[in-house]
Amino acid sequence: MKQFKFMKIKNFILNLIIFLVTFLDSKSDVDKYKQFEIKNVPSIRRSDLPNEFTDDSFKTVDEFIRKTANLNFECVIYFDYITGEVLKCAIGKLDEVILNFDIDEFKGKHIASIHNQPPYVFSPPSAKNFGILMRNFEDFELIASKNELWIFKSKCVDEKLMLELNIASIELFNSAWEQANTLDLNENLTDDYCDFLYGMFISIYK
């Protein structure tokens, strides 16, 4: 009888622990993002953003840059670039973040996204960042890297252009990497120079 009571108590405690762990982890990524520390780091000016962005959305972008500076994982928010409201957030791992959404979830909103590039990731956009060309609800994609803010504007769906940019970005990165390695620099300087060259190549690509 004592053993039976002990087992009941043990099961109750185990179930309570499971409930508490689940409850504590049930906070949405938006809630977790709101608790990120706002760091005193360099950010952007209001004039760095497209004219379509309001003062409220500038505050949202500025806050994101300060919150995600030097994080060792990626984070993305979707926000309304008129009201500045954060609509959705996903917190990822290492150099990847995935955000799931319904097709009509952002109907009637003015959608932009921004995600950070961790310090150990190359600053310029990679092939996967051109996915905005397949999302007809998203007008702007911003990438906050360690040295730059990259801004894509696309108000149409263009799969052909996306595939072209995917291929071009890979080729341009390979070209930058080859050129950087010909200088026989140390590993860190080679990475920095490759980062610079790749960014220059992709920003003037036509």
Protein backbone atom coordinates (compact mmCIF):
# COMPACT_ATOMS: atom_id res chain seq x y z
CA MET A 1 0.00 0.00 0.00
CA LYS A 2 2.82 2.40 0.89
CA GLN A 3 4.55 1.52 -2.37
CA PHE A 4 1.34 2.25 -4.30
CA LYS A 5 1.01 5.67 -2.63
CA PHE A 6 4.69 6.37 -3.37
CA MET A 7 4.18 5.50 -7.05
CA LYS A 8 1.14 7.81 -7.25
CA ILE A 9 3.11 10.67 -5.71
CA LYS A 10 6.06 9.97 -8.00
CA ASN A 11 3.81 9.97 -11.10
CA PHE A 12 2.14 13.18 -9.93
CA ILE A 13 5.52 14.89 -9.52
CA LEU A 14 6.70 13.68 -12.93
CA ASN A 15 3.51 14.92 -14.60
CA LEU A 16 3.86 18.26 -12.81
CA ILE A 17 7.45 18.64 -14.04
CA ILE A 18 6.39 17.84 -17.62
CA PHE A 19 3.56 20.37 -17.38
CA LEU A 20 5.84 23.10 -16.00
CA VAL A 21 8.53 22.51 -18.64
CA THR A 22 5.89 22.61 -21.38
CA PHE A 23 4.31 25.74 -19.90
CA LEU A 24 7.60 27.58 -19.53
CA ASP A 25 8.58 26.72 -23.11
CA SER A 26 5.17 27.67 -24.49
CA LYS A 27 6.06 31.34 -24.86
CA SER A 28 5.81 32.39 -28.48
CA ASP A 29 8.96 33.48 -30.26
CA VAL A 30 7.48 36.99 -30.38
CA ASP A 31 7.36 37.01 -26.57
CA LYS A 32 10.93 35.71 -26.37
CA TYR A 33 12.09 38.33 -28.88
CA LYS A 34 10.48 41.12 -26.82
CA GLN A 35 12.69 40.09 -23.89
CA PHE A 36 15.95 40.37 -25.87
CA GLU A 37 18.27 43.03 -24.48
CA ILE A 38 18.52 46.27 -26.49
CA LYS A 39 22.28 46.82 -26.81
CA ASN A 40 24.11 50.12 -27.14
CA VAL A 41 25.63 49.39 -30.56
CA PRO A 42 25.85 51.28 -33.88
CA SER A 43 22.64 51.11 -35.88
CA ILE A 44 21.15 52.86 -38.91
CA ARG A 45 19.74 56.29 -39.75
CA ARG A 46 16.13 56.95 -40.67
CA SER A 47 17.31 57.92 -44.18
CA ASP A 48 18.85 54.47 -44.72
CA LEU A 49 15.40 52.92 -45.13
CA PRO A 50 13.15 53.12 -48.21
CA ASN A 51 10.71 56.02 -48.41
CA GLU A 52 7.79 53.65 -47.85
CA PHE A 53 8.95 53.00 -44.28
CA THR A 54 7.46 55.18 -41.53
CA ASP A 55 9.08 56.49 -38.36
CA ASP A 56 7.33 53.68 -36.46
CA SER A 57 8.82 51.02 -38.70
CA PHE A 58 12.24 52.66 -38.42
CA LYS A 59 11.99 52.16 -34.65
CA THR A 60 11.16 48.49 -35.24
CA VAL A 61 14.18 47.99 -37.51
CA ASP A 62 16.52 49.96 -35.24
CA GLU A 63 15.39 47.93 -32.23
CA PHE A 64 15.88 44.65 -34.11
CA ILE A 65 19.44 45.60 -35.08
CA ARG A 66 20.28 46.50 -31.50
CA LYS A 67 18.64 43.38 -30.07
CA THR A 68 20.30 40.91 -32.45
CA ALA A 69 23.79 42.43 -32.61
CA ASN A 70 26.42 39.71 -32.08
CA LEU A 71 23.89 36.93 -31.44
CA ASN A 72 25.27 33.51 -32.41
CA PHE A 73 21.96 32.43 -33.95
CA GLU A 74 19.55 33.83 -36.52
CA CYS A 75 16.27 35.52 -35.74
CA VAL A 76 13.63 36.86 -38.13
CA ILE A 77 10.63 39.12 -37.65
CA TYR A 78 7.83 39.97 -40.05
CA PHE A 79 6.42 43.44 -39.47
CA ASP A 80 4.14 46.04 -41.00
CA TYR A 81 6.35 48.76 -42.48
CA ILE A 82 3.57 51.34 -42.04
CA THR A 83 2.56 50.69 -38.42
CA GLY A 84 5.84 49.12 -37.28
CA GLU A 85 3.92 46.28 -35.60
CA VAL A 86 5.82 43.00 -35.21
CA LEU A 87 3.45 40.39 -36.63
CA LYS A 88 5.47 37.20 -36.45
CA CYS A 89 8.86 36.04 -35.22
CA ALA A 90 11.00 32.93 -35.41
CA ILE A 91 14.18 32.20 -33.48
CA GLY A 92 16.53 29.84 -35.26
CA LYS A 93 19.79 28.05 -34.66
CA LEU A 94 23.29 28.82 -35.91
CA ASP A 95 22.95 30.12 -39.50
CA GLU A 96 19.35 29.20 -40.30
CA VAL A 97 15.90 30.27 -39.24
CA ILE A 98 12.57 28.98 -40.52
CA LEU A 99 9.25 30.76 -40.17
CA ASN A 100 6.01 29.05 -41.13
CA PHE A 101 2.93 31.02 -42.11
CA ASP A 102 -0.45 30.66 -43.78
CA ILE A 103 -0.96 32.03 -47.30
CA ASP A 104 -3.54 34.63 -46.21
CA GLU A 105 -2.04 35.38 -42.80
CA PHE A 106 -0.73 38.82 -43.77
CA LYS A 107 -3.67 39.92 -45.89
CA GLY A 108 -4.25 43.69 -45.69
CA LYS A 109 -0.81 44.32 -44.14
CA HIS A 110 2.30 46.02 -45.54
CA ILE A 111 4.87 43.30 -45.04
CA ALA A 112 8.61 43.49 -44.59
CA SER A 113 10.94 41.07 -42.89
CA ILE A 114 14.33 41.48 -41.28
CA HIS A 115 16.76 38.83 -40.10
CA ASN A 116 20.24 39.00 -38.65
CA GLN A 117 23.42 37.38 -39.90
CA PRO A 118 25.52 36.05 -36.97
CA PRO A 119 29.10 37.40 -36.85
CA TYR A 120 30.65 34.19 -38.19
CA VAL A 121 28.39 34.18 -41.29
CA PHE A 122 29.33 36.12 -44.42
CA SER A 123 27.54 39.47 -44.44
CA PRO A 124 26.06 39.70 -47.96
CA PRO A 125 22.91 37.78 -48.90
CA SER A 126 23.22 34.14 -49.88
CA ALA A 127 21.17 32.24 -52.46
CA LYS A 128 18.41 31.40 -49.97
CA ASN A 129 17.75 35.11 -49.29
CA PHE A 130 16.25 35.61 -52.74
CA GLY A 131 13.19 33.63 -51.67
CA ILE A 132 11.36 36.94 -51.38
CA LEU A 133 10.80 36.63 -55.12
CA MET A 134 8.44 33.74 -54.38
CA ARG A 135 6.42 35.51 -51.67
CA ASN A 136 3.78 37.80 -53.14
CA PHE A 137 2.77 39.20 -49.73
CA GLU A 138 6.26 40.46 -48.82
CA ASP A 139 7.47 43.77 -50.27
CA PHE A 140 10.83 44.15 -48.51
CA GLU A 141 13.43 41.83 -47.03
CA LEU A 142 16.14 43.32 -44.82
CA ILE A 143 19.32 41.56 -43.76
CA ALA A 144 21.18 42.97 -40.77
CA SER A 145 24.78 41.79 -40.93
CA LYS A 146 27.83 42.78 -38.92
CA ASN A 147 28.77 45.68 -41.19
CA GLU A 148 25.81 46.41 -43.46
CA LEU A 149 22.07 46.48 -43.81
CA TRP A 150 20.98 44.85 -47.06
CA ILE A 151 17.55 45.71 -48.45
CA PHE A 152 15.62 43.80 -51.11
CA LYS A 153 12.51 45.32 -52.63
CA SER A 154 10.19 43.10 -54.63
CA LYS A 155 6.50 43.63 -55.29
CA CYS A 156 6.04 40.73 -57.67
CA VAL A 157 6.67 36.99 -57.91
CA ASP A 158 9.47 36.11 -60.32
CA GLU A 159 10.72 32.53 -60.10
CA LYS A 160 13.00 32.94 -63.14
CA LEU A 161 14.82 35.88 -61.58
CA MET A 162 15.10 34.06 -58.26
CA LEU A 163 16.78 31.08 -59.92
CA GLU A 164 19.10 33.41 -61.83
CA LEU A 165 20.13 35.19 -58.64
CA ASN A 166 20.60 31.86 -56.84
CA ILE A 167 23.08 30.72 -59.48
CA ALA A 168 24.75 34.14 -59.72
CA SER A 169 25.27 34.43 -55.97
CA ILE A 170 27.01 31.05 -55.83
CA GLU A 171 29.25 31.92 -58.79
CA LEU A 172 30.07 35.37 -57.40
CA PHE A 173 30.91 33.93 -54.00
CA ASN A 174 33.22 31.33 -55.55
CA SER A 175 34.92 34.05 -57.58
CA ALA A 176 35.39 36.21 -54.46
CA TRP A 177 36.76 33.24 -52.52
CA GLU A 178 39.29 32.42 -55.26
CA GLN A 179 40.48 36.04 -55.48
CA ALA A 180 40.75 36.37 -51.71
CA ASN A 181 42.85 33.21 -51.48
CA THR A 182 45.34 34.39 -54.10
CA LEU A 183 46.54 37.09 -51.68
CA ASP A 184 47.93 34.52 -49.22
CA LEU A 185 46.52 36.29 -46.17
CA ASN A 186 45.82 34.73 -42.79
CA GLU A 187 42.47 32.97 -42.37
CA ASN A 188 40.59 35.87 -40.76
CA LEU A 189 41.78 38.45 -43.31
CA THR A 190 40.98 36.06 -46.16
CA ASP A 191 37.41 35.68 -44.84
CA ASP A 192 37.03 39.45 -44.42
CA TYR A 193 38.33 40.18 -47.91
CA CYS A 194 36.10 37.49 -49.43
CA ASP A 195 33.17 39.02 -47.54
CA PHE A 196 34.01 42.44 -48.99
CA LEU A 197 34.51 41.19 -52.55
CA TYR A 198 31.37 39.07 -52.57
CA GLY A 199 29.32 42.00 -51.28
CA MET A 200 30.75 44.28 -53.96
CA PHE A 201 30.15 41.73 -56.72
CA ILE A 202 26.55 41.04 -55.76
CA SER A 203 25.66 44.70 -55.21
CA ILE A 204 26.67 45.65 -58.78
CA TYR A 205 25.35 42.46 -60.43
CA LYS A 206 23.01 43.12 -63.37
